[in-house]
């Protein structure tokens, strides 16, 4: 009797493992399929080569899902960009339009897929004289929320090290103008960063290639 129960339990566990593997594989395939659509603007595996479009491969899944929600609710500004590739190359679109019909399942799937990719840092110019000052500003105002020089995705705050400077500059403008939501802690820190320090900070992140 005990042996029969043990065999039955083993069989159930095996079936559960197979079901989980199939579901996981299906989710990964779904994420890859959606990511192919994202690649039209964000590049293969989220490695954007356009300075106005962010690199998203390697960001945390939570950050990506939250960003999609903000775009869908339009609590985050949907800047219009010219599509750099694909069948609609040269036409304009924005993230609000892109995610309007994206299901919750697809959002979760593509977020997990992109989070599993490597964040490929942008190769871009920077002023070495500003990097040193930017490093000091980072340690004082940004290190607690953006660890490891701004390269860690673990805080679910995005990756700043190696992100396109043009994009980061636009986001800072959006934060300061209230067009992009930010929590009180970040607002207090950002309010203490002047324009020269802000520019130095951008060069610090750009130097990490």
N, C-alpha and C. Protein backbone atom coordinates (compact mmCIF):
# COMPACT_ATOMS: atom_id res chain seq x y z
N UNK A 1 0.83 -1.21 0.00
CA UNK A 1 0.00 0.00 0.00
C UNK A 1 0.87 1.26 0.00
N UNK A 2 1.87 1.23 0.87
CA UNK A 2 2.77 2.38 0.98
C UNK A 2 3.53 2.58 -0.32
N UNK A 3 3.95 1.44 -0.94
CA UNK A 3 4.69 1.53 -2.19
C UNK A 3 3.83 2.13 -3.30
N UNK A 4 2.55 1.71 -3.34
CA UNK A 4 1.64 2.26 -4.35
C UNK A 4 1.47 3.77 -4.19
N UNK A 5 1.34 4.21 -2.94
CA UNK A 5 1.18 5.64 -2.67
C UNK A 5 2.45 6.40 -3.06
N UNK A 6 3.59 5.79 -2.76
CA UNK A 6 4.86 6.43 -3.11
C UNK A 6 5.01 6.57 -4.62
N UNK A 7 4.62 5.50 -5.35
CA UNK A 7 4.69 5.55 -6.81
C UNK A 7 3.74 6.60 -7.38
N UNK A 8 2.55 6.66 -6.79
CA UNK A 8 1.56 7.64 -7.25
C UNK A 8 2.06 9.07 -7.03
N UNK A 9 2.67 9.28 -5.86
CA UNK A 9 3.21 10.62 -5.54
C UNK A 9 4.34 10.98 -6.49
N UNK A 10 5.20 10.00 -6.78
CA UNK A 10 6.30 10.23 -7.71
C UNK A 10 5.79 10.58 -9.09
N UNK A 11 4.72 9.88 -9.51
CA UNK A 11 4.13 10.14 -10.82
C UNK A 11 3.54 11.54 -10.89
N UNK A 12 2.84 11.93 -9.82
CA UNK A 12 2.24 13.27 -9.77
C UNK A 12 3.31 14.36 -9.83
N UNK A 13 4.40 14.14 -9.09
CA UNK A 13 5.49 15.12 -9.09
C UNK A 13 6.14 15.22 -10.46
N UNK A 14 6.27 14.09 -11.12
CA UNK A 14 6.87 14.06 -12.46
C UNK A 14 5.99 14.81 -13.45
N UNK A 15 4.67 14.56 -13.36
CA UNK A 15 3.73 15.24 -14.25
C UNK A 15 3.73 16.74 -13.99
N UNK A 16 3.83 17.11 -12.71
CA UNK A 16 3.86 18.53 -12.35
C UNK A 16 5.11 19.20 -12.92
N UNK A 17 6.24 18.49 -12.85
CA UNK A 17 7.49 19.02 -13.37
C UNK A 17 7.42 19.21 -14.88
N UNK A 18 6.81 18.23 -15.56
CA UNK A 18 6.66 18.31 -17.02
C UNK A 18 5.76 19.48 -17.39
N UNK A 19 4.66 19.64 -16.66
CA UNK A 19 3.72 20.74 -16.93
C UNK A 19 4.39 22.09 -16.74
N UNK A 20 5.20 22.19 -15.66
CA UNK A 20 5.90 23.43 -15.38
C UNK A 20 6.91 23.74 -16.47
N UNK A 21 7.62 22.71 -16.92
CA UNK A 21 8.63 22.90 -17.97
C UNK A 21 7.97 23.36 -19.27
N UNK A 22 6.81 22.74 -19.59
CA UNK A 22 6.09 23.11 -20.81
C UNK A 22 5.60 24.55 -20.71
N UNK A 23 5.04 24.91 -19.55
CA UNK A 23 4.53 26.26 -19.34
C UNK A 23 5.66 27.28 -19.41
N UNK A 24 6.79 26.95 -18.79
CA UNK A 24 7.94 27.85 -18.80
C UNK A 24 8.47 28.05 -20.21
N UNK A 25 8.54 26.94 -20.95
CA UNK A 25 9.00 27.00 -22.33
C UNK A 25 8.06 27.82 -23.20
N UNK A 26 6.77 27.66 -22.98
CA UNK A 26 5.77 28.42 -23.75
C UNK A 26 5.88 29.90 -23.44
N UNK A 27 6.11 30.22 -22.15
CA UNK A 27 6.23 31.62 -21.75
C UNK A 27 7.47 32.25 -22.37
N UNK A 28 8.56 31.49 -22.40
CA UNK A 28 9.81 31.98 -22.98
C UNK A 28 9.63 32.24 -24.48
N UNK A 29 8.93 31.31 -25.16
CA UNK A 29 8.68 31.46 -26.58
C UNK A 29 7.80 32.67 -26.86
N UNK A 30 6.80 32.86 -25.99
CA UNK A 30 5.90 34.01 -26.12
C UNK A 30 6.68 35.31 -25.95
N UNK A 31 7.57 35.33 -24.95
CA UNK A 31 8.39 36.52 -24.70
C UNK A 31 9.30 36.83 -25.86
N UNK A 32 9.90 35.80 -26.44
CA UNK A 32 10.79 35.99 -27.58
C UNK A 32 10.03 36.56 -28.78
N UNK A 33 8.80 36.07 -28.97
CA UNK A 33 7.98 36.53 -30.10
C UNK A 33 7.63 38.01 -29.95
N UNK A 34 7.26 38.41 -28.74
CA UNK A 34 6.91 39.82 -28.49
C UNK A 34 8.17 40.68 -28.61
N UNK A 35 9.30 40.16 -28.12
CA UNK A 35 10.57 40.89 -28.16
C UNK A 35 10.99 41.19 -29.60
N UNK A 36 10.62 40.31 -30.53
CA UNK A 36 10.93 40.54 -31.94
C UNK A 36 10.24 41.81 -32.44
N UNK A 37 9.05 42.05 -31.93
CA UNK A 37 8.32 43.27 -32.30
C UNK A 37 8.99 44.49 -31.66
N UNK A 38 9.47 44.33 -30.41
CA UNK A 38 10.16 45.41 -29.71
C UNK A 38 11.46 45.77 -30.42
N UNK A 39 12.08 44.76 -31.07
CA UNK A 39 13.38 44.93 -31.71
C UNK A 39 13.34 45.95 -32.84
N UNK A 40 12.17 46.19 -33.40
CA UNK A 40 12.04 47.17 -34.48
C UNK A 40 12.57 48.53 -34.03
N UNK A 41 12.31 48.89 -32.78
CA UNK A 41 12.79 50.16 -32.25
C UNK A 41 13.97 49.98 -31.29
N UNK A 42 13.86 49.00 -30.40
CA UNK A 42 14.85 48.84 -29.33
C UNK A 42 16.05 47.97 -29.71
N UNK A 43 16.06 47.42 -30.92
CA UNK A 43 17.17 46.60 -31.35
C UNK A 43 17.03 45.16 -30.88
N UNK A 44 17.82 44.27 -31.47
CA UNK A 44 17.77 42.86 -31.11
C UNK A 44 18.09 42.67 -29.64
N UNK A 45 17.23 41.93 -28.96
CA UNK A 45 17.38 41.66 -27.52
C UNK A 45 17.44 42.92 -26.68
N UNK A 46 16.83 43.98 -27.20
CA UNK A 46 16.74 45.22 -26.43
C UNK A 46 17.99 46.07 -26.44
N UNK A 47 18.94 45.78 -27.35
CA UNK A 47 20.20 46.54 -27.41
C UNK A 47 20.06 47.67 -28.43
N UNK A 48 19.44 48.75 -28.05
CA UNK A 48 19.18 49.87 -28.95
C UNK A 48 20.47 50.51 -29.46
N UNK A 49 20.47 50.85 -30.75
CA UNK A 49 21.60 51.56 -31.34
C UNK A 49 21.23 53.00 -31.67
N UNK A 50 20.03 53.40 -31.26
CA UNK A 50 19.53 54.75 -31.49
C UNK A 50 19.57 55.52 -30.16
N UNK A 51 20.27 56.64 -30.13
CA UNK A 51 20.48 57.37 -28.87
C UNK A 51 19.20 57.93 -28.25
N UNK A 52 18.13 58.01 -29.04
CA UNK A 52 16.86 58.52 -28.51
C UNK A 52 15.98 57.41 -27.97
N UNK A 53 16.40 56.16 -28.18
CA UNK A 53 15.61 55.00 -27.76
C UNK A 53 16.41 54.19 -26.75
N UNK A 54 15.88 53.93 -25.56
CA UNK A 54 16.66 53.28 -24.50
C UNK A 54 17.03 51.83 -24.76
N UNK A 55 18.14 51.43 -24.18
CA UNK A 55 18.55 50.02 -24.16
C UNK A 55 17.71 49.37 -23.06
N UNK A 56 16.98 48.30 -23.39
CA UNK A 56 16.10 47.69 -22.39
C UNK A 56 16.45 46.24 -22.08
N UNK A 57 17.31 45.62 -22.88
CA UNK A 57 17.75 44.26 -22.58
C UNK A 57 18.62 44.26 -21.33
N UNK A 58 18.26 43.44 -20.34
CA UNK A 58 19.03 43.38 -19.10
C UNK A 58 18.41 44.14 -17.95
N UNK A 59 17.38 44.96 -18.23
CA UNK A 59 16.66 45.64 -17.14
C UNK A 59 15.86 44.59 -16.37
N UNK A 60 15.48 44.90 -15.15
CA UNK A 60 14.73 43.92 -14.37
C UNK A 60 13.32 43.75 -14.95
N UNK A 61 12.77 42.55 -14.79
CA UNK A 61 11.42 42.28 -15.29
C UNK A 61 10.40 43.20 -14.63
N UNK A 62 10.58 43.45 -13.34
CA UNK A 62 9.65 44.32 -12.62
C UNK A 62 9.67 45.73 -13.19
N UNK A 63 10.86 46.24 -13.47
CA UNK A 63 10.98 47.59 -14.02
C UNK A 63 10.28 47.68 -15.38
N UNK A 64 10.47 46.67 -16.22
CA UNK A 64 9.86 46.67 -17.55
C UNK A 64 8.34 46.61 -17.46
N UNK A 65 7.83 45.74 -16.60
CA UNK A 65 6.37 45.62 -16.43
C UNK A 65 5.78 46.92 -15.90
N UNK A 66 6.43 47.52 -14.92
CA UNK A 66 5.93 48.78 -14.35
C UNK A 66 5.95 49.89 -15.40
N UNK A 67 6.98 49.90 -16.25
CA UNK A 67 7.06 50.91 -17.31
C UNK A 67 5.92 50.74 -18.30
N UNK A 68 5.63 49.49 -18.66
CA UNK A 68 4.52 49.21 -19.57
C UNK A 68 3.20 49.69 -18.97
N UNK A 69 3.01 49.44 -17.68
CA UNK A 69 1.79 49.89 -17.00
C UNK A 69 1.68 51.41 -17.03
N UNK A 70 2.81 52.09 -16.78
CA UNK A 70 2.80 53.56 -16.78
C UNK A 70 2.47 54.11 -18.16
N UNK A 71 3.01 53.48 -19.20
CA UNK A 71 2.71 53.91 -20.57
C UNK A 71 1.25 53.66 -20.89
N UNK A 72 0.74 52.49 -20.46
CA UNK A 72 -0.64 52.14 -20.75
C UNK A 72 -1.61 53.12 -20.06
N UNK A 73 -1.27 53.52 -18.84
CA UNK A 73 -2.12 54.45 -18.09
C UNK A 73 -1.82 55.91 -18.46
N UNK A 74 -0.76 56.10 -19.26
CA UNK A 74 -0.31 57.42 -19.70
C UNK A 74 0.09 58.31 -18.53
N UNK A 75 0.59 57.66 -17.46
CA UNK A 75 1.15 58.44 -16.35
C UNK A 75 2.62 58.74 -16.64
N UNK A 76 3.13 58.17 -17.70
CA UNK A 76 4.49 58.44 -18.17
C UNK A 76 4.39 58.93 -19.61
N UNK A 77 5.09 60.02 -19.91
CA UNK A 77 5.02 60.63 -21.23
C UNK A 77 5.45 59.66 -22.32
N UNK A 78 4.67 59.60 -23.38
CA UNK A 78 4.99 58.73 -24.52
C UNK A 78 5.58 59.59 -25.63
N UNK A 79 6.90 59.74 -25.60
CA UNK A 79 7.57 60.56 -26.61
C UNK A 79 7.48 59.91 -27.99
N UNK A 80 7.19 60.71 -28.98
CA UNK A 80 7.09 60.21 -30.35
C UNK A 80 8.48 60.04 -30.94
N UNK A 81 8.73 58.88 -31.55
CA UNK A 81 10.03 58.62 -32.17
C UNK A 81 9.82 58.11 -33.59
N UNK A 82 10.84 58.26 -34.41
CA UNK A 82 10.80 57.73 -35.77
C UNK A 82 11.31 56.30 -35.74
N UNK A 83 10.54 55.39 -36.25
CA UNK A 83 10.92 53.97 -36.22
C UNK A 83 12.15 53.76 -37.10
N UNK A 84 13.25 53.24 -36.50
CA UNK A 84 14.51 53.11 -37.24
C UNK A 84 14.62 51.88 -38.14
N UNK A 85 13.70 50.93 -38.01
CA UNK A 85 13.78 49.70 -38.80
C UNK A 85 12.39 49.09 -38.98
N UNK A 86 12.35 47.95 -39.67
CA UNK A 86 11.08 47.25 -39.84
C UNK A 86 10.25 47.77 -41.01
N UNK A 87 9.08 47.16 -41.23
CA UNK A 87 8.22 47.54 -42.36
C UNK A 87 7.68 48.96 -42.27
N UNK A 88 7.65 49.51 -41.06
CA UNK A 88 7.15 50.89 -40.89
C UNK A 88 8.29 51.88 -40.65
N UNK A 89 9.49 51.53 -41.10
CA UNK A 89 10.66 52.39 -40.94
C UNK A 89 10.39 53.79 -41.48
N UNK A 90 10.76 54.79 -40.68
CA UNK A 90 10.57 56.18 -41.11
C UNK A 90 9.28 56.79 -40.62
N UNK A 91 8.33 55.95 -40.19
CA UNK A 91 7.08 56.48 -39.65
C UNK A 91 7.23 56.73 -38.16
N UNK A 92 6.32 57.47 -37.60
CA UNK A 92 6.41 57.84 -36.19
C UNK A 92 5.44 57.02 -35.33
N UNK A 93 5.86 56.75 -34.11
CA UNK A 93 5.01 56.03 -33.17
C UNK A 93 5.46 56.39 -31.76
N UNK A 94 4.78 55.86 -30.77
CA UNK A 94 5.17 56.07 -29.38
C UNK A 94 4.75 54.88 -28.54
N UNK A 95 5.27 54.80 -27.31
CA UNK A 95 5.04 53.64 -26.47
C UNK A 95 3.58 53.48 -26.05
N UNK A 96 2.85 54.57 -25.94
CA UNK A 96 1.43 54.46 -25.57
C UNK A 96 0.67 53.66 -26.63
N UNK A 97 0.99 53.90 -27.89
CA UNK A 97 0.34 53.17 -28.98
C UNK A 97 0.82 51.72 -29.01
N UNK A 98 2.11 51.52 -28.78
CA UNK A 98 2.69 50.19 -28.87
C UNK A 98 2.11 49.24 -27.83
N UNK A 99 1.93 49.71 -26.60
CA UNK A 99 1.48 48.82 -25.51
C UNK A 99 -0.03 48.81 -25.32
N UNK A 100 -0.74 49.60 -26.09
CA UNK A 100 -2.19 49.72 -25.90
C UNK A 100 -2.91 48.37 -25.94
N UNK A 101 -2.49 47.50 -26.84
CA UNK A 101 -3.16 46.20 -26.99
C UNK A 101 -2.31 45.04 -26.47
N UNK A 102 -1.27 45.35 -25.71
CA UNK A 102 -0.40 44.30 -25.17
C UNK A 102 -1.07 43.69 -23.94
N UNK A 103 -1.30 42.40 -23.95
CA UNK A 103 -1.96 41.74 -22.83
C UNK A 103 -1.03 41.65 -21.63
N UNK A 104 -1.60 41.40 -20.48
CA UNK A 104 -0.80 41.26 -19.25
C UNK A 104 0.15 40.07 -19.36
N UNK A 105 -0.33 38.99 -19.97
CA UNK A 105 0.50 37.80 -20.15
C UNK A 105 1.70 38.11 -21.05
N UNK A 106 1.44 38.82 -22.14
CA UNK A 106 2.52 39.18 -23.06
C UNK A 106 3.51 40.14 -22.39
N UNK A 107 2.99 41.06 -21.60
CA UNK A 107 3.85 42.01 -20.90
C UNK A 107 4.79 41.28 -19.94
N UNK A 108 4.26 40.33 -19.20
CA UNK A 108 5.07 39.54 -18.27
C UNK A 108 6.09 38.70 -19.03
N UNK A 109 5.66 38.12 -20.14
CA UNK A 109 6.54 37.25 -20.92
C UNK A 109 7.70 38.02 -21.52
N UNK A 110 7.41 39.15 -22.14
CA UNK A 110 8.49 39.92 -22.78
C UNK A 110 9.41 40.53 -21.73
N UNK A 111 8.86 40.87 -20.57
CA UNK A 111 9.68 41.42 -19.49
C UNK A 111 10.70 40.40 -19.00
N UNK A 112 10.23 39.16 -18.84
CA UNK A 112 11.14 38.09 -18.40
C UNK A 112 12.19 37.79 -19.46
N UNK A 113 11.77 37.82 -20.70
CA UNK A 113 12.72 37.55 -21.79
C UNK A 113 13.80 38.62 -21.84
N UNK A 114 13.40 39.87 -21.81
CA UNK A 114 14.37 40.97 -21.89
C UNK A 114 15.26 41.03 -20.66
N UNK A 115 14.71 40.70 -19.49
CA UNK A 115 15.50 40.71 -18.26
C UNK A 115 16.62 39.67 -18.31
N UNK A 116 16.41 38.62 -19.10
CA UNK A 116 17.41 37.55 -19.20
C UNK A 116 18.54 37.90 -20.19
N UNK A 117 18.39 39.00 -20.91
CA UNK A 117 19.40 39.39 -21.89
C UNK A 117 20.51 40.22 -21.23
N UNK A 118 21.61 40.36 -21.92
CA UNK A 118 22.72 41.17 -21.41
C UNK A 118 22.49 42.63 -21.76
N UNK A 119 22.75 43.51 -20.80
CA UNK A 119 22.66 44.95 -21.07
C UNK A 119 23.92 45.37 -21.82
N UNK A 120 23.78 45.71 -23.09
CA UNK A 120 24.92 46.10 -23.91
C UNK A 120 25.08 47.62 -23.86
N UNK A 121 26.11 48.06 -23.19
CA UNK A 121 26.31 49.50 -22.97
C UNK A 121 26.62 50.26 -24.25
N UNK A 122 26.07 51.45 -24.34
CA UNK A 122 26.25 52.28 -25.52
C UNK A 122 27.68 52.83 -25.60
N UNK A 123 28.23 52.84 -26.81
CA UNK A 123 29.52 53.46 -27.07
C UNK A 123 29.24 54.90 -27.49
N UNK A 124 29.57 55.84 -26.64
CA UNK A 124 29.24 57.23 -26.91
C UNK A 124 30.29 58.15 -26.30
N UNK A 125 30.40 59.37 -26.80
CA UNK A 125 31.42 60.29 -26.30
C UNK A 125 31.10 60.80 -24.90
N UNK A 126 32.14 61.18 -24.17
CA UNK A 126 31.98 61.78 -22.85
C UNK A 126 33.17 62.67 -22.57
N UNK A 127 32.99 63.59 -21.65
CA UNK A 127 34.05 64.52 -21.26
C UNK A 127 34.72 63.99 -20.00
N UNK A 128 35.97 63.59 -20.12
CA UNK A 128 36.69 63.00 -18.98
C UNK A 128 36.81 63.96 -17.80
N UNK A 129 36.84 65.26 -18.07
CA UNK A 129 36.96 66.23 -16.97
C UNK A 129 35.68 66.31 -16.15
N UNK A 130 34.56 65.94 -16.79
CA UNK A 130 33.28 65.98 -16.08
C UNK A 130 32.98 64.67 -15.36
N UNK A 131 33.64 63.60 -15.81
CA UNK A 131 33.39 62.28 -15.23
C UNK A 131 33.75 62.25 -13.75
N UNK A 132 34.89 62.85 -13.38
CA UNK A 132 35.34 62.85 -11.99
C UNK A 132 34.32 63.54 -11.09
N UNK A 133 33.85 64.68 -11.54
CA UNK A 133 32.83 65.40 -10.76
C UNK A 133 31.54 64.59 -10.71
N UNK A 134 31.20 63.96 -11.83
CA UNK A 134 29.99 63.15 -11.89
C UNK A 134 30.05 61.97 -10.95
N UNK A 135 31.24 61.41 -10.78
CA UNK A 135 31.42 60.29 -9.86
C UNK A 135 31.10 60.71 -8.42
N UNK A 136 31.53 61.91 -8.06
CA UNK A 136 31.27 62.42 -6.71
C UNK A 136 29.78 62.68 -6.51
N UNK A 137 29.13 63.23 -7.53
CA UNK A 137 27.69 63.49 -7.45
C UNK A 137 26.93 62.17 -7.31
N UNK A 138 27.36 61.18 -8.08
CA UNK A 138 26.73 59.86 -8.00
C UNK A 138 26.82 59.27 -6.60
N UNK A 139 28.00 59.31 -6.01
CA UNK A 139 28.20 58.73 -4.67
C UNK A 139 27.36 59.46 -3.62
N UNK A 140 27.15 60.74 -3.83
CA UNK A 140 26.40 61.53 -2.87
C UNK A 140 24.89 61.42 -3.07
N UNK A 141 24.45 61.39 -4.33
CA UNK A 141 23.01 61.48 -4.61
C UNK A 141 22.37 60.23 -5.22
N UNK A 142 23.18 59.35 -5.82
CA UNK A 142 22.55 58.26 -6.55
C UNK A 142 22.91 56.84 -6.15
N UNK A 143 23.99 56.68 -5.40
CA UNK A 143 24.50 55.34 -5.13
C UNK A 143 23.53 54.46 -4.35
N UNK A 144 22.77 55.04 -3.43
CA UNK A 144 21.88 54.25 -2.60
C UNK A 144 20.76 53.59 -3.39
N UNK A 145 20.34 54.20 -4.48
CA UNK A 145 19.24 53.66 -5.28
C UNK A 145 19.71 53.01 -6.58
N UNK A 146 20.93 53.34 -7.01
CA UNK A 146 21.47 52.81 -8.27
C UNK A 146 22.87 52.29 -7.99
N UNK A 147 22.95 51.08 -7.47
CA UNK A 147 24.23 50.53 -7.02
C UNK A 147 25.19 50.19 -8.16
N UNK A 148 26.45 49.94 -7.76
CA UNK A 148 27.50 49.51 -8.70
C UNK A 148 27.66 50.47 -9.88
N UNK A 149 27.74 51.73 -9.55
CA UNK A 149 27.94 52.73 -10.61
C UNK A 149 26.74 52.92 -11.50
N UNK A 150 25.58 52.47 -11.04
CA UNK A 150 24.37 52.58 -11.84
C UNK A 150 24.16 51.42 -12.78
N UNK A 151 24.92 50.33 -12.56
CA UNK A 151 24.85 49.19 -13.47
C UNK A 151 23.98 48.04 -12.97
N UNK A 152 23.51 48.13 -11.72
CA UNK A 152 22.74 47.02 -11.15
C UNK A 152 21.25 47.14 -11.46
N UNK A 153 20.64 46.04 -11.94
CA UNK A 153 19.20 46.06 -12.18
C UNK A 153 18.40 45.65 -10.94
N UNK A 154 19.10 45.28 -9.87
CA UNK A 154 18.45 44.65 -8.72
C UNK A 154 17.50 45.56 -7.95
N UNK A 155 17.69 46.88 -8.04
CA UNK A 155 16.78 47.78 -7.31
C UNK A 155 15.50 48.06 -8.10
N UNK A 156 15.42 47.49 -9.30
CA UNK A 156 14.24 47.69 -10.17
C UNK A 156 14.05 49.16 -10.53
N UNK A 157 15.17 49.88 -10.65
CA UNK A 157 15.13 51.30 -11.01
C UNK A 157 15.74 51.58 -12.37
N UNK A 158 15.96 50.54 -13.15
CA UNK A 158 16.59 50.73 -14.44
C UNK A 158 18.11 50.67 -14.32
N UNK A 159 18.79 50.67 -15.45
CA UNK A 159 20.25 50.69 -15.50
C UNK A 159 20.68 52.00 -16.13
N UNK A 160 21.56 52.72 -15.44
CA UNK A 160 22.01 54.03 -15.92
C UNK A 160 23.39 53.98 -16.56
N UNK A 161 24.25 53.09 -16.06
CA UNK A 161 25.61 52.98 -16.58
C UNK A 161 25.60 52.46 -18.01
N UNK A 162 26.04 53.28 -18.95
CA UNK A 162 26.06 52.86 -20.34
C UNK A 162 24.77 53.08 -21.09
N UNK A 163 23.76 53.64 -20.43
CA UNK A 163 22.52 53.98 -21.12
C UNK A 163 22.78 55.20 -22.00
N UNK A 164 22.01 55.36 -23.06
CA UNK A 164 22.20 56.50 -23.96
C UNK A 164 21.99 57.82 -23.22
N UNK A 165 22.95 58.73 -23.37
CA UNK A 165 22.90 60.02 -22.69
C UNK A 165 21.69 60.84 -23.12
N UNK A 166 21.40 60.85 -24.41
CA UNK A 166 20.26 61.63 -24.91
C UNK A 166 18.96 61.19 -24.25
N UNK A 167 18.81 59.89 -24.11
CA UNK A 167 17.61 59.35 -23.47
C UNK A 167 17.56 59.74 -21.99
N UNK A 168 18.68 59.57 -21.28
CA UNK A 168 18.71 59.91 -19.86
C UNK A 168 18.41 61.39 -19.65
N UNK A 169 18.95 62.24 -20.51
CA UNK A 169 18.71 63.67 -20.38
C UNK A 169 17.22 63.98 -20.53
N UNK A 170 16.58 63.33 -21.49
CA UNK A 170 15.14 63.52 -21.70
C UNK A 170 14.33 63.07 -20.49
N UNK A 171 14.76 61.99 -19.86
CA UNK A 171 14.04 61.48 -18.68
C UNK A 171 14.20 62.42 -17.50
N UNK A 172 15.37 63.02 -17.35
CA UNK A 172 15.57 63.98 -16.27
C UNK A 172 14.66 65.19 -16.44
N UNK A 173 14.51 65.63 -17.68
CA UNK A 173 13.59 66.73 -17.97
C UNK A 173 12.16 66.32 -17.61
N UNK A 174 11.80 65.10 -17.95
CA UNK A 174 10.45 64.60 -17.65
C UNK A 174 10.22 64.49 -16.14
N UNK A 175 11.23 64.03 -15.42
CA UNK A 175 11.11 63.94 -13.96
C UNK A 175 10.92 65.33 -13.34
N UNK A 176 11.74 66.26 -13.77
CA UNK A 176 11.71 67.61 -13.19
C UNK A 176 10.42 68.36 -13.53
N UNK A 177 9.86 68.07 -14.69
CA UNK A 177 8.64 68.76 -15.11
C UNK A 177 7.36 68.08 -14.64
N UNK A 178 7.51 66.89 -14.03
CA UNK A 178 6.34 66.15 -13.55
C UNK A 178 5.68 65.29 -14.61
N UNK A 179 6.32 65.17 -15.80
CA UNK A 179 5.74 64.36 -16.86
C UNK A 179 6.03 62.88 -16.69
N UNK A 180 6.93 62.56 -15.76
CA UNK A 180 7.20 61.16 -15.44
C UNK A 180 7.17 61.03 -13.92
N UNK A 181 6.41 60.06 -13.40
CA UNK A 181 6.27 59.93 -11.94
C UNK A 181 7.58 59.54 -11.26
N UNK A 182 7.79 60.06 -10.07
CA UNK A 182 8.95 59.67 -9.26
C UNK A 182 8.56 59.74 -7.80
N UNK A 183 9.20 58.90 -6.98
CA UNK A 183 8.84 58.89 -5.58
C UNK A 183 9.49 60.05 -4.85
N UNK A 184 9.06 60.28 -3.60
CA UNK A 184 9.51 61.44 -2.84
C UNK A 184 11.01 61.43 -2.58
N UNK A 185 11.56 60.23 -2.33
CA UNK A 185 13.00 60.13 -2.06
C UNK A 185 13.82 60.58 -3.26
N UNK A 186 13.41 60.12 -4.43
CA UNK A 186 14.15 60.50 -5.63
C UNK A 186 13.98 61.99 -5.91
N UNK A 187 12.80 62.51 -5.68
CA UNK A 187 12.55 63.94 -5.92
C UNK A 187 13.46 64.79 -5.03
N UNK A 188 13.59 64.40 -3.77
CA UNK A 188 14.44 65.16 -2.85
C UNK A 188 15.89 65.13 -3.30
N UNK A 189 16.34 63.97 -3.77
CA UNK A 189 17.73 63.85 -4.25
C UNK A 189 17.93 64.66 -5.52
N UNK A 190 16.98 64.56 -6.44
CA UNK A 190 17.11 65.26 -7.72
C UNK A 190 17.05 66.77 -7.54
N UNK A 191 16.24 67.23 -6.60
CA UNK A 191 16.13 68.66 -6.34
C UNK A 191 17.45 69.26 -5.86
N UNK A 192 18.32 68.39 -5.32
CA UNK A 192 19.61 68.87 -4.81
C UNK A 192 20.74 68.79 -5.83
N UNK A 193 20.38 68.36 -7.04
CA UNK A 193 21.37 68.27 -8.11
C UNK A 193 21.18 69.44 -9.08
N UNK A 194 22.17 70.33 -9.14
CA UNK A 194 22.11 71.47 -10.05
C UNK A 194 22.39 71.05 -11.47
N UNK A 195 22.26 71.97 -12.42
CA UNK A 195 22.43 71.66 -13.83
C UNK A 195 23.85 71.19 -14.16
N UNK A 196 24.85 71.83 -13.56
CA UNK A 196 26.23 71.42 -13.85
C UNK A 196 26.51 70.03 -13.29
N UNK A 197 26.00 69.77 -12.09
CA UNK A 197 26.18 68.44 -11.50
C UNK A 197 25.41 67.39 -12.29
N UNK A 198 24.25 67.76 -12.78
CA UNK A 198 23.45 66.84 -13.58
C UNK A 198 24.20 66.45 -14.85
N UNK A 199 24.80 67.44 -15.51
CA UNK A 199 25.54 67.17 -16.73
C UNK A 199 26.76 66.30 -16.45
N UNK A 200 27.44 66.58 -15.33
CA UNK A 200 28.60 65.77 -14.94
C UNK A 200 28.17 64.33 -14.67
N UNK A 201 27.03 64.17 -14.05
CA UNK A 201 26.50 62.84 -13.74
C UNK A 201 26.22 62.06 -15.03
N UNK A 202 25.70 62.72 -16.03
CA UNK A 202 25.43 62.08 -17.31
C UNK A 202 26.71 61.61 -17.98
N UNK A 203 27.76 62.41 -17.87
CA UNK A 203 29.05 62.02 -18.44
C UNK A 203 29.66 60.85 -17.67
N UNK A 204 29.41 60.82 -16.37
CA UNK A 204 29.88 59.68 -15.56
C UNK A 204 29.25 58.39 -16.03
N UNK A 205 27.95 58.38 -16.24
CA UNK A 205 27.26 57.17 -16.72
C UNK A 205 27.69 56.81 -18.14
N UNK A 206 27.90 57.84 -18.98
CA UNK A 206 28.31 57.59 -20.36
C UNK A 206 29.71 56.99 -20.44
N UNK A 207 30.55 57.28 -19.45
CA UNK A 207 31.94 56.79 -19.47
C UNK A 207 32.04 55.29 -19.21
N UNK A 208 30.97 54.70 -18.71
CA UNK A 208 31.00 53.27 -18.38
C UNK A 208 30.55 52.44 -19.60
N UNK A 209 31.53 52.08 -20.40
CA UNK A 209 31.23 51.43 -21.68
C UNK A 209 31.74 50.00 -21.77
